[in-house]
Amino acid sequence: MRNRHPEYLTTPKERGSYWTYFVGQNLIYYLVTGYLVTYTMMIGADVTKTATIMFAVKFWDAINDALFGLIFDKVKFKSGKCLPWIRISTALLPAATILLFMIPRSAGETVKLIWFAVAYILWDTAYTICDIPVYSLVTTMTDNLSERNTLMSFGRVFSGIGTGATTVVCTVLASENVGVSFSIIAVIIGILSIITMAPLSFKGKERGNTGVDSGSFTLREMLSYLVHNKFLLLFYVAYIIANALATSGAMGMLVSYYLFGNSLFNLLLGALGAIPSLVIALFIPKILEKVDKFRFYMACTVIQIILGFLIFFIGYKHVILFLVLTVIRSIPLSATGTMAFMFTPDCAEYGKFKTGTDAKGITFAIQTFSAKVGSAVSSSLGMIIVGWFGWVTVNASSFDELEALNVVQPESALNGLWITYALVPVIGALLSLIPLFFYKLRDKDVRIMAKCNFGEITREEAEKQLSRKY
């Protein structure tokens, strides 16, 4: 098929398969990050014990992300650097997800907790194998920074489609109005994810800079690479802080059910935020052609912090005002979400330019590690905070069954639920501004570094064109 963008290296079909992969990936990712807490808080196990396991799994996460990053940089497949791993993960990730939501309700608490721990470790490993290669792929598909921004920006749009589809499927099917179990929902999501992820395995193409000759660097060189890639570390320290305290997403259905009277309210929140989110994501590539990515990211972060504090202090009893502010806040929030992972390719180019080591696996392992640590900590932290406020343990497979049980939560637990949902994430975003203040890498310099890394200009020529010494 003819490429409608002469300056682009990728074809429309190839870009389409790259984007639809994110639909499937985020069908699964949001099922786990958005509903695993709800699921585990309804299986009849103590929430503090479950939260402790969720947090403990991150110790394995630290090992497996770094380990796979090394493997990714070392292993040389004849068929490419990224695509072989993507093909493996297309089958592995859905299977691990289904297992995670199949905890037997009739088993004792110990069995449930062991099942959860093992399944969560398997899921975590499978997601690592999926995430690092698909984000690294953009650097081997093209060296055109504008094309990369387009690929990743629209990738976030399709990620939003996956997230939205999961929100609809889970909220409706698990609601008190329908009553489908989370186990069946996980099977449905798993099948849909395979269908949408598979095309990239056949349509994707790696053109250059695949790193097949970069597997000779030592562990010392890898550590030196990370130490010298200060912008990678700064950005993802900020990212972990913000996302570790982003406790609202995992509490959406519980907040809807207990504070707004119906779990389907979560669907309304998702729908109202979806349109502005999609619109801003579609315009991001055009905006970034005129505005430096980092400066725009910072502005959006500050705006969403201000709106977040307003939402918390207004409270959930003023429903209309809460909805209006939530919709407005979704614009800067979705902008930062769309741009977040655009900084990793920039840091990969900077890292290679600075050290001479092509270590995309480690670079994108930091991204994957940060995303998973942030989501796991936020989930476990949310459960712990709610537990502090006197949450009553329940055992139900859906909100239909929960409604039949008529379990009443104390007022203190409801207050804790609101603090967890509305205030904690704003504090996280505010704290993330501290490391971001020291992030100095800019788009115009990344373009020059990418040209040098791809061999289009010499290092001497690149250093003369850079706006500052790096």
Protein backbone atom coordinates (compact mmCIF):
# COMPACT_ATOMS: atom_id res chain seq x y z
CA MET A 1 0.00 0.00 0.00
CA ARG A 2 1.30 3.41 -0.94
CA ASN A 3 2.64 5.54 1.88
CA ARG A 4 0.63 8.78 2.05
CA HIS A 5 3.42 10.49 3.96
CA PRO A 6 6.48 10.63 1.68
CA GLU A 7 8.72 11.65 4.60
CA TYR A 8 7.61 8.62 6.63
CA LEU A 9 9.37 5.26 6.42
CA THR A 10 6.40 3.26 7.71
CA THR A 11 3.34 2.32 5.64
CA PRO A 12 -0.30 2.99 6.68
CA LYS A 13 -0.91 -0.74 7.30
CA GLU A 14 2.20 -0.96 9.42
CA ARG A 15 1.22 2.06 11.48
CA GLY A 16 -2.29 0.65 11.85
CA SER A 17 -1.01 -2.67 13.18
CA TYR A 18 1.28 -0.84 15.61
CA TRP A 19 -1.64 1.19 16.93
CA THR A 20 -4.09 -1.72 17.22
CA TYR A 21 -1.49 -3.61 19.26
CA PHE A 22 -1.98 -0.98 21.96
CA VAL A 23 -5.71 -1.65 21.97
CA GLY A 24 -5.08 -5.25 23.01
CA GLN A 25 -2.24 -4.42 25.35
CA ASN A 26 -4.34 -1.86 27.19
CA LEU A 27 -7.43 -4.05 27.27
CA ILE A 28 -5.30 -6.26 29.50
CA TYR A 29 -3.32 -3.57 31.27
CA TYR A 30 -6.38 -1.65 32.39
CA LEU A 31 -8.20 -4.84 33.39
CA VAL A 32 -5.34 -5.43 35.86
CA THR A 33 -4.59 -1.85 36.92
CA GLY A 34 -8.22 -0.73 37.00
CA TYR A 35 -10.04 -3.79 38.32
CA LEU A 36 -7.59 -6.14 40.05
CA VAL A 37 -7.98 -4.22 43.31
CA THR A 38 -11.77 -4.41 43.05
CA TYR A 39 -11.53 -8.13 42.26
CA THR A 40 -9.14 -8.94 45.11
CA MET A 41 -11.16 -6.87 47.59
CA MET A 42 -14.15 -9.09 46.81
CA ILE A 43 -12.58 -12.60 46.99
CA GLY A 44 -12.84 -12.91 50.77
CA ALA A 45 -9.18 -12.29 51.61
CA ASP A 46 -7.85 -9.68 54.01
CA VAL A 47 -7.14 -6.49 52.06
CA THR A 48 -3.93 -5.70 53.97
CA LYS A 49 -2.48 -9.16 53.22
CA THR A 50 -3.44 -8.86 49.56
CA ALA A 51 -1.91 -5.38 49.35
CA THR A 52 1.29 -6.68 50.96
CA ILE A 53 1.59 -9.43 48.32
CA MET A 54 0.91 -6.94 45.55
CA PHE A 55 3.68 -4.72 46.84
CA ALA A 56 6.10 -7.64 47.44
CA VAL A 57 5.76 -8.81 43.83
CA LYS A 58 7.50 -5.60 42.84
CA PHE A 59 10.75 -6.97 44.24
CA TRP A 60 10.56 -9.61 41.52
CA ASP A 61 9.55 -6.88 39.13
CA ALA A 62 12.79 -5.01 39.80
CA ILE A 63 14.73 -8.17 38.96
CA ASN A 64 12.71 -9.32 35.97
CA ASP A 65 12.63 -5.93 34.22
CA ALA A 66 16.38 -5.47 34.55
CA LEU A 67 16.99 -9.11 33.60
CA PHE A 68 14.80 -8.93 30.52
CA GLY A 69 16.34 -5.59 29.57
CA LEU A 70 19.74 -7.30 29.52
CA ILE A 71 18.36 -10.30 27.62
CA PHE A 72 16.66 -8.01 25.12
CA ASP A 73 19.92 -6.17 24.43
CA LYS A 74 21.97 -9.39 24.24
CA VAL A 75 19.75 -11.83 22.31
CA LYS A 76 20.04 -11.75 18.52
CA PHE A 77 17.07 -13.11 16.59
CA LYS A 78 17.49 -13.46 12.83
CA SER A 79 13.98 -12.11 12.29
CA GLY A 80 14.52 -8.85 14.19
CA LYS A 81 15.20 -7.26 17.54
CA CYS A 82 11.69 -6.48 18.79
CA LEU A 83 9.15 -8.41 16.71
CA PRO A 84 10.09 -11.94 17.91
CA TRP A 85 9.38 -10.93 21.51
CA ILE A 86 6.13 -9.25 20.46
CA ARG A 87 4.99 -12.52 18.84
CA ILE A 88 5.74 -14.46 22.02
CA SER A 89 3.90 -12.01 24.25
CA THR A 90 0.79 -11.97 22.06
CA ALA A 91 -0.06 -15.46 23.35
CA LEU A 92 1.62 -15.36 26.76
CA LEU A 93 0.09 -12.15 28.17
CA PRO A 94 -3.61 -13.04 27.69
CA ALA A 95 -3.04 -16.51 29.21
CA ALA A 96 -1.36 -15.05 32.31
CA THR A 97 -4.16 -12.49 32.67
CA ILE A 98 -6.89 -15.11 32.63
CA LEU A 99 -5.02 -17.16 35.26
CA LEU A 100 -4.79 -14.08 37.50
CA PHE A 101 -8.60 -13.72 37.58
CA MET A 102 -9.33 -17.41 38.18
CA ILE A 103 -8.71 -17.50 41.95
CA PRO A 104 -11.04 -20.22 43.36
CA ARG A 105 -13.59 -18.59 45.66
CA SER A 106 -14.27 -21.78 47.61
CA ALA A 107 -10.60 -22.16 48.64
CA GLY A 108 -9.22 -21.01 51.97
CA GLU A 109 -7.57 -17.63 52.39
CA THR A 110 -4.04 -19.08 52.28
CA VAL A 111 -4.68 -20.84 48.96
CA LYS A 112 -6.20 -17.66 47.52
CA LEU A 113 -3.22 -15.57 48.54
CA ILE A 114 -0.71 -18.09 47.15
CA TRP A 115 -2.63 -18.35 43.85
CA PHE A 116 -2.73 -14.56 43.63
CA ALA A 117 1.01 -14.21 44.32
CA VAL A 118 2.07 -16.83 41.74
CA ALA A 119 -0.35 -15.61 39.05
CA TYR A 120 0.61 -11.98 39.59
CA ILE A 121 4.31 -12.80 39.21
CA LEU A 122 3.57 -14.66 35.95
CA TRP A 123 1.48 -11.76 34.67
CA ASP A 124 4.17 -9.26 35.61
CA THR A 125 6.80 -11.26 33.70
CA ALA A 126 4.57 -11.64 30.64
CA TYR A 127 3.85 -7.92 30.56
CA THR A 128 7.56 -7.11 30.66
CA ILE A 129 8.12 -9.33 27.61
CA CYS A 130 5.34 -7.43 25.86
CA ASP A 131 6.05 -3.84 26.86
CA ILE A 132 9.78 -3.30 26.37
CA PRO A 133 9.85 -4.56 22.74
CA VAL A 134 6.74 -2.72 21.51
CA TYR A 135 7.99 0.66 22.75
CA SER A 136 11.53 -0.03 21.59
CA LEU A 137 10.13 -0.97 18.17
CA VAL A 138 9.40 2.66 17.35
CA THR A 139 13.15 3.40 17.35
CA THR A 140 13.82 0.64 14.80
CA MET A 141 10.85 1.46 12.59
CA THR A 142 12.06 5.00 11.82
CA ASP A 143 14.61 7.67 12.75
CA ASN A 144 12.14 10.46 11.91
CA LEU A 145 11.30 12.17 15.23
CA SER A 146 8.03 13.57 13.89
CA GLU A 147 7.03 10.10 12.69
CA ARG A 148 7.95 8.65 16.07
CA ASN A 149 5.82 11.25 17.84
CA THR A 150 2.92 10.41 15.53
CA LEU A 151 3.33 6.68 16.10
CA MET A 152 3.43 7.09 19.86
CA SER A 153 0.78 9.79 20.10
CA PHE A 154 -1.76 7.82 18.09
CA GLY A 155 -0.59 4.77 20.00
CA ARG A 156 -1.89 6.49 23.12
CA VAL A 157 -5.19 7.17 21.35
CA PHE A 158 -5.55 3.47 20.62
CA SER A 159 -4.42 2.71 24.17
CA GLY A 160 -7.34 4.88 25.25
CA ILE A 161 -9.66 2.81 23.07
CA GLY A 162 -8.44 -0.32 24.83
CA THR A 163 -8.86 1.32 28.22
CA GLY A 164 -12.34 2.56 27.28
CA ALA A 165 -13.40 -0.86 26.00
CA THR A 166 -12.22 -2.48 29.24
CA THR A 167 -14.08 0.14 31.25
CA VAL A 168 -17.32 -0.56 29.40
CA VAL A 169 -17.02 -4.34 29.43
CA CYS A 170 -15.97 -4.63 33.08
CA THR A 171 -18.26 -1.96 34.49
CA VAL A 172 -21.37 -3.20 32.71
CA LEU A 173 -20.82 -6.93 33.02
CA ALA A 174 -19.65 -6.89 36.66
CA SER A 175 -22.26 -4.33 37.76
CA GLU A 176 -25.20 -5.11 40.01
CA ASN A 177 -27.40 -4.81 36.89
CA VAL A 178 -25.77 -7.77 35.07
CA GLY A 179 -23.60 -9.73 37.50
CA VAL A 180 -21.03 -11.51 35.31
CA SER A 181 -17.99 -12.78 37.23
CA PHE A 182 -14.54 -11.24 36.74
CA SER A 183 -13.23 -14.66 35.65
CA ILE A 184 -15.50 -14.71 32.60
CA ILE A 185 -14.71 -11.06 31.91
CA ALA A 186 -10.99 -11.91 31.90
CA VAL A 187 -11.58 -14.60 29.25
CA ILE A 188 -13.49 -12.12 27.06
CA ILE A 189 -10.74 -9.49 27.41
CA GLY A 190 -8.06 -12.10 26.70
CA ILE A 191 -9.67 -13.14 23.41
CA LEU A 192 -10.16 -9.53 22.29
CA SER A 193 -6.55 -8.70 23.11
CA ILE A 194 -5.18 -11.54 20.97
CA ILE A 195 -7.29 -10.39 18.01
CA THR A 196 -6.03 -6.80 18.20
CA MET A 197 -2.38 -7.52 19.11
CA ALA A 198 -1.71 -10.20 16.48
CA PRO A 199 -1.56 -8.02 13.29
CA LEU A 200 1.68 -6.31 14.35
CA SER A 201 3.47 -9.68 14.30
CA PHE A 202 2.78 -9.90 10.56
CA LYS A 203 2.73 -6.25 9.43
CA GLY A 204 5.53 -4.76 11.56
CA LYS A 205 8.95 -4.09 10.04
CA GLU A 206 12.32 -3.20 11.57
CA ARG A 207 14.43 -1.07 9.24
CA GLY A 208 17.60 -0.17 11.06
CA ASN A 209 19.31 0.62 14.31
CA THR A 210 18.07 -2.73 15.67
CA GLY A 211 20.96 -3.05 18.01
CA VAL A 212 21.97 -6.52 16.80
CA ASP A 213 25.62 -5.57 17.19
CA SER A 214 25.18 -4.00 20.61
CA GLY A 215 25.14 -7.21 22.58
CA SER A 216 28.81 -7.10 23.49
CA PHE A 217 28.61 -4.45 26.20
CA THR A 218 29.33 -5.59 29.75
CA LEU A 219 27.33 -5.22 32.96
CA ARG A 220 29.70 -2.42 34.01
CA GLU A 221 29.04 -0.61 30.72
CA MET A 222 25.31 -1.07 31.23
CA LEU A 223 25.48 0.46 34.72
CA SER A 224 27.65 3.27 33.37
CA TYR A 225 25.02 3.86 30.67
CA LEU A 226 22.29 4.25 33.29
CA VAL A 227 24.39 6.50 35.51
CA HIS A 228 25.21 8.78 32.59
CA ASN A 229 21.65 8.79 31.24
CA LYS A 230 20.54 11.27 33.88
CA PHE A 231 17.47 12.45 31.99
CA LEU A 232 16.09 8.90 31.82
CA LEU A 233 16.48 8.55 35.58
CA LEU A 234 15.07 11.99 36.36
CA PHE A 235 11.97 11.55 34.23
CA TYR A 236 11.14 8.11 35.58
CA VAL A 237 11.76 9.05 39.20
CA ALA A 238 9.09 11.70 38.62
CA TYR A 239 6.89 9.20 36.80
CA ILE A 240 7.11 6.64 39.63
CA ILE A 241 6.27 9.28 42.25
CA ALA A 242 3.21 10.47 40.35
CA ASN A 243 1.92 7.02 39.46
CA ALA A 244 2.67 5.40 42.81
CA LEU A 245 0.26 7.90 44.33
CA ALA A 246 -2.26 7.70 41.46
CA THR A 247 -4.68 5.70 43.58
CA SER A 248 -7.89 6.85 41.89
CA GLY A 249 -7.92 4.49 38.91
CA ALA A 250 -7.99 1.28 40.93
CA MET A 251 -10.80 2.59 43.12
CA GLY A 252 -13.15 3.72 40.35
CA MET A 253 -15.87 1.07 40.67
CA LEU A 254 -15.78 1.04 44.47
CA VAL A 255 -16.06 4.84 44.58
CA SER A 256 -18.96 4.70 42.11
CA TYR A 257 -20.77 2.01 44.08
CA TYR A 258 -20.25 3.33 47.60
CA LEU A 259 -20.03 7.11 47.11
CA PHE A 260 -22.22 7.72 44.05
CA GLY A 261 -24.74 4.92 44.59
CA ASN A 262 -24.18 2.73 41.52
CA SER A 263 -21.12 0.99 40.04
CA LEU A 264 -22.26 2.09 36.55
CA PHE A 265 -21.38 5.65 37.54
CA ASN A 266 -17.82 4.59 36.73
CA LEU A 267 -18.95 4.18 33.12
CA LEU A 268 -20.28 7.74 33.10
CA LEU A 269 -16.97 9.06 34.40
CA GLY A 270 -15.11 7.17 31.69
CA ALA A 271 -17.47 8.33 28.94
CA LEU A 272 -17.33 12.00 29.95
CA GLY A 273 -13.55 11.97 30.02
CA ALA A 274 -13.11 9.94 26.83
CA ILE A 275 -14.05 12.57 24.23
CA PRO A 276 -11.73 15.38 25.43
CA SER A 277 -9.01 12.79 25.98
CA LEU A 278 -9.25 11.49 22.43
CA VAL A 279 -9.41 15.00 20.96
CA ILE A 280 -6.28 16.21 22.77
CA ALA A 281 -4.42 13.00 21.88
CA LEU A 282 -5.24 13.47 18.19
CA PHE A 283 -3.90 17.03 18.27
CA ILE A 284 -0.75 16.23 20.23
CA PRO A 285 1.43 15.62 17.10
CA LYS A 286 0.44 19.01 15.67
CA ILE A 287 0.94 20.76 19.00
CA LEU A 288 4.39 19.24 19.41
CA GLU A 289 5.44 20.53 16.00
CA LYS A 290 5.14 24.04 17.43
CA VAL A 291 5.79 23.58 21.17
CA ASP A 292 8.60 21.78 22.97
CA LYS A 293 7.25 18.52 24.34
CA PHE A 294 8.62 18.88 27.87
CA ARG A 295 7.40 22.45 28.40
CA PHE A 296 3.90 21.44 27.28
CA TYR A 297 4.05 18.40 29.58
CA MET A 298 4.95 20.57 32.57
CA ALA A 299 2.18 23.08 31.87
CA CYS A 300 -0.43 20.33 31.68
CA THR A 301 0.85 18.80 34.93
CA VAL A 302 0.48 22.08 36.82
CA ILE A 303 -3.06 22.63 35.48
CA GLN A 304 -4.24 19.16 36.46
CA ILE A 305 -2.81 19.62 39.98
CA ILE A 306 -4.83 22.82 40.48
CA LEU A 307 -8.03 21.18 39.22
CA GLY A 308 -7.38 18.09 41.34
CA PHE A 309 -7.26 20.09 44.56
CA LEU A 310 -10.53 21.81 43.58
CA ILE A 311 -12.23 18.45 43.04
CA PHE A 312 -11.14 17.13 46.44
CA PHE A 313 -12.27 20.16 48.42
CA ILE A 314 -15.62 20.41 46.60
CA GLY A 315 -16.32 16.77 47.44
CA TYR A 316 -18.44 14.01 45.93
CA LYS A 317 -21.81 15.26 47.18
CA HIS A 318 -21.84 18.10 44.61
CA VAL A 319 -22.20 15.65 41.73
CA ILE A 320 -22.71 18.05 38.80
CA LEU A 321 -19.77 20.28 39.74
CA PHE A 322 -17.65 17.20 40.34
CA LEU A 323 -18.46 15.90 36.84
CA VAL A 324 -17.74 19.26 35.17
CA LEU A 325 -14.35 19.61 36.85
CA THR A 326 -13.52 15.97 36.10
CA VAL A 327 -14.19 16.50 32.39
CA ILE A 328 -12.08 19.68 32.31
CA ARG A 329 -9.25 17.98 34.19
CA SER A 330 -9.28 15.06 31.76
CA ILE A 331 -7.82 17.36 29.07
CA PRO A 332 -4.43 18.12 30.70
CA LEU A 333 -4.45 14.68 32.34
CA SER A 334 -4.82 12.90 29.01
CA ALA A 335 -2.18 15.16 27.46
CA THR A 336 0.42 14.13 30.03
CA GLY A 337 -0.67 10.51 29.67
CA THR A 338 -0.28 10.67 25.91
CA MET A 339 3.17 12.26 26.08
CA ALA A 340 4.63 10.31 29.01
CA PHE A 341 6.22 7.47 27.06
CA MET A 342 7.39 9.78 24.27
CA PHE A 343 10.33 10.74 26.47
CA THR A 344 11.82 7.23 26.55
CA PRO A 345 12.92 7.20 22.87
CA ASP A 346 14.42 10.64 23.47
CA CYS A 347 16.38 9.28 26.44
CA ALA A 348 17.44 6.25 24.37
CA GLU A 349 18.89 8.56 21.70
CA TYR A 350 20.57 10.69 24.37
CA GLY A 351 21.99 7.58 26.08
CA LYS A 352 23.55 6.26 22.89
CA PHE A 353 24.86 9.69 21.92
CA LYS A 354 26.32 10.26 25.39
CA THR A 355 27.87 6.82 26.04
CA GLY A 356 28.13 5.15 22.64
CA THR A 357 26.18 2.18 24.06
CA ASP A 358 23.00 1.16 22.25
CA ALA A 359 21.01 -0.18 25.22
CA LYS A 360 17.39 0.24 24.24
CA GLY A 361 16.41 -2.85 26.21
CA ILE A 362 17.61 -1.35 29.48
CA THR A 363 16.18 2.05 28.58
CA PHE A 364 12.71 0.70 27.89
CA ALA A 365 13.02 -1.70 30.83
CA ILE A 366 13.18 1.40 33.04
CA GLN A 367 9.93 2.58 31.42
CA THR A 368 8.19 -0.75 31.92
CA PHE A 369 9.51 -1.09 35.45
CA SER A 370 8.33 2.41 36.31
CA ALA A 371 4.86 1.83 34.89
CA LYS A 372 4.39 -1.45 36.73
CA VAL A 373 5.87 -0.21 40.00
CA GLY A 374 3.66 2.86 39.85
CA SER A 375 0.48 0.86 39.21
CA ALA A 376 1.29 -1.83 41.79
CA VAL A 377 2.26 0.64 44.50
CA SER A 378 -0.80 2.77 43.82
CA SER A 379 -3.05 -0.29 43.98
CA SER A 380 -1.54 -1.66 47.16
CA LEU A 381 -1.28 1.82 48.70
CA GLY A 382 -4.94 2.47 47.95
CA MET A 383 -5.95 -0.78 49.63
CA ILE A 384 -3.75 -0.04 52.64
CA ILE A 385 -5.14 3.49 53.07
CA VAL A 386 -8.73 2.27 52.83
CA GLY A 387 -7.87 -0.49 55.30
CA TRP A 388 -6.62 2.13 57.78
CA PHE A 389 -10.08 3.71 57.73
CA GLY A 390 -11.83 0.48 58.78
CA TRP A 391 -12.82 -1.23 55.50
CA VAL A 392 -15.10 -4.26 56.02
CA THR A 393 -13.94 -7.42 54.14
CA VAL A 394 -16.43 -8.86 51.60
CA ASN A 395 -16.60 -12.04 49.49
CA ALA A 396 -18.47 -11.57 46.19
CA SER A 397 -17.83 -12.36 42.52
CA SER A 398 -19.65 -9.28 41.17
CA PHE A 399 -21.45 -6.16 42.32
CA ASP A 400 -24.75 -7.95 41.84
CA GLU A 401 -23.71 -10.42 44.54
CA LEU A 402 -22.21 -7.62 46.65
CA GLU A 403 -25.53 -5.79 46.59
CA ALA A 404 -27.33 -8.95 47.69
CA LEU A 405 -24.94 -9.33 50.64
CA ASN A 406 -25.86 -5.78 51.75
CA VAL A 407 -22.46 -5.14 53.33
CA VAL A 408 -22.43 -1.61 54.80
CA GLN A 409 -19.11 0.22 55.05
CA PRO A 410 -18.61 2.60 58.01
CA GLU A 411 -18.50 6.36 57.39
CA SER A 412 -14.77 6.37 58.19
CA ALA A 413 -14.13 3.87 55.36
CA LEU A 414 -16.08 6.03 52.91
CA ASN A 415 -14.03 9.10 53.90
CA GLY A 416 -10.86 7.07 53.39
CA LEU A 417 -12.14 5.99 49.98
CA TRP A 418 -12.62 9.64 48.91
CA ILE A 419 -9.18 10.68 50.19
CA THR A 420 -7.63 7.75 48.30
CA TYR A 421 -9.53 8.60 45.14
CA ALA A 422 -9.27 12.41 45.03
CA LEU A 423 -6.44 13.73 47.20
CA VAL A 424 -3.56 11.24 47.13
CA PRO A 425 -3.07 11.42 43.31
CA VAL A 426 -2.84 15.22 43.41
CA ILE A 427 -0.11 15.05 46.05
CA GLY A 428 1.78 12.60 43.83
CA ALA A 429 1.61 14.89 40.80
CA LEU A 430 2.80 17.81 42.92
CA LEU A 431 5.81 15.89 44.25
CA SER A 432 6.74 14.75 40.72
CA LEU A 433 7.52 18.35 39.76
CA ILE A 434 10.68 18.26 41.90
CA PRO A 435 12.77 15.87 39.71
CA LEU A 436 11.14 17.22 36.54
CA PHE A 437 12.62 20.64 37.32
CA PHE A 438 16.08 19.22 36.53
CA TYR A 439 15.10 17.60 33.19
CA LYS A 440 16.85 19.64 30.45
CA LEU A 441 16.64 17.45 27.31
CA ARG A 442 14.80 19.23 24.49
CA ASP A 443 13.23 18.09 21.20
CA LYS A 444 15.47 20.07 18.86
CA ASP A 445 18.59 18.47 20.35
CA VAL A 446 17.09 14.96 20.28
CA ARG A 447 16.56 15.33 16.51
CA ILE A 448 20.25 16.09 16.07
CA MET A 449 21.29 13.18 18.30
CA ALA A 450 19.04 10.78 16.36
CA LYS A 451 20.63 11.81 13.06
CA CYS A 452 24.06 11.22 14.53
CA ASN A 453 23.06 7.84 15.98
CA PHE A 454 21.66 6.74 12.62
CA GLY A 455 24.88 7.81 10.87
CA GLU A 456 23.36 10.66 8.89
CA ILE A 457 25.78 13.22 10.38
CA THR A 458 29.07 12.92 12.26
CA ARG A 459 29.41 13.43 16.00
CA GLU A 460 31.44 16.59 15.39
CA GLU A 461 28.67 18.00 13.21
CA ALA A 462 26.08 17.08 15.83
CA GLU A 463 27.94 18.74 18.71
CA LYS A 464 28.20 21.98 16.72
CA GLN A 465 24.42 22.01 16.14
CA LEU A 466 23.31 21.22 19.72
CA SER A 467 21.90 24.09 21.75
CA ARG A 468 23.94 23.16 24.81
CA LYS A 469 26.67 20.77 25.92
CA TYR A 470 25.29 17.43 27.12
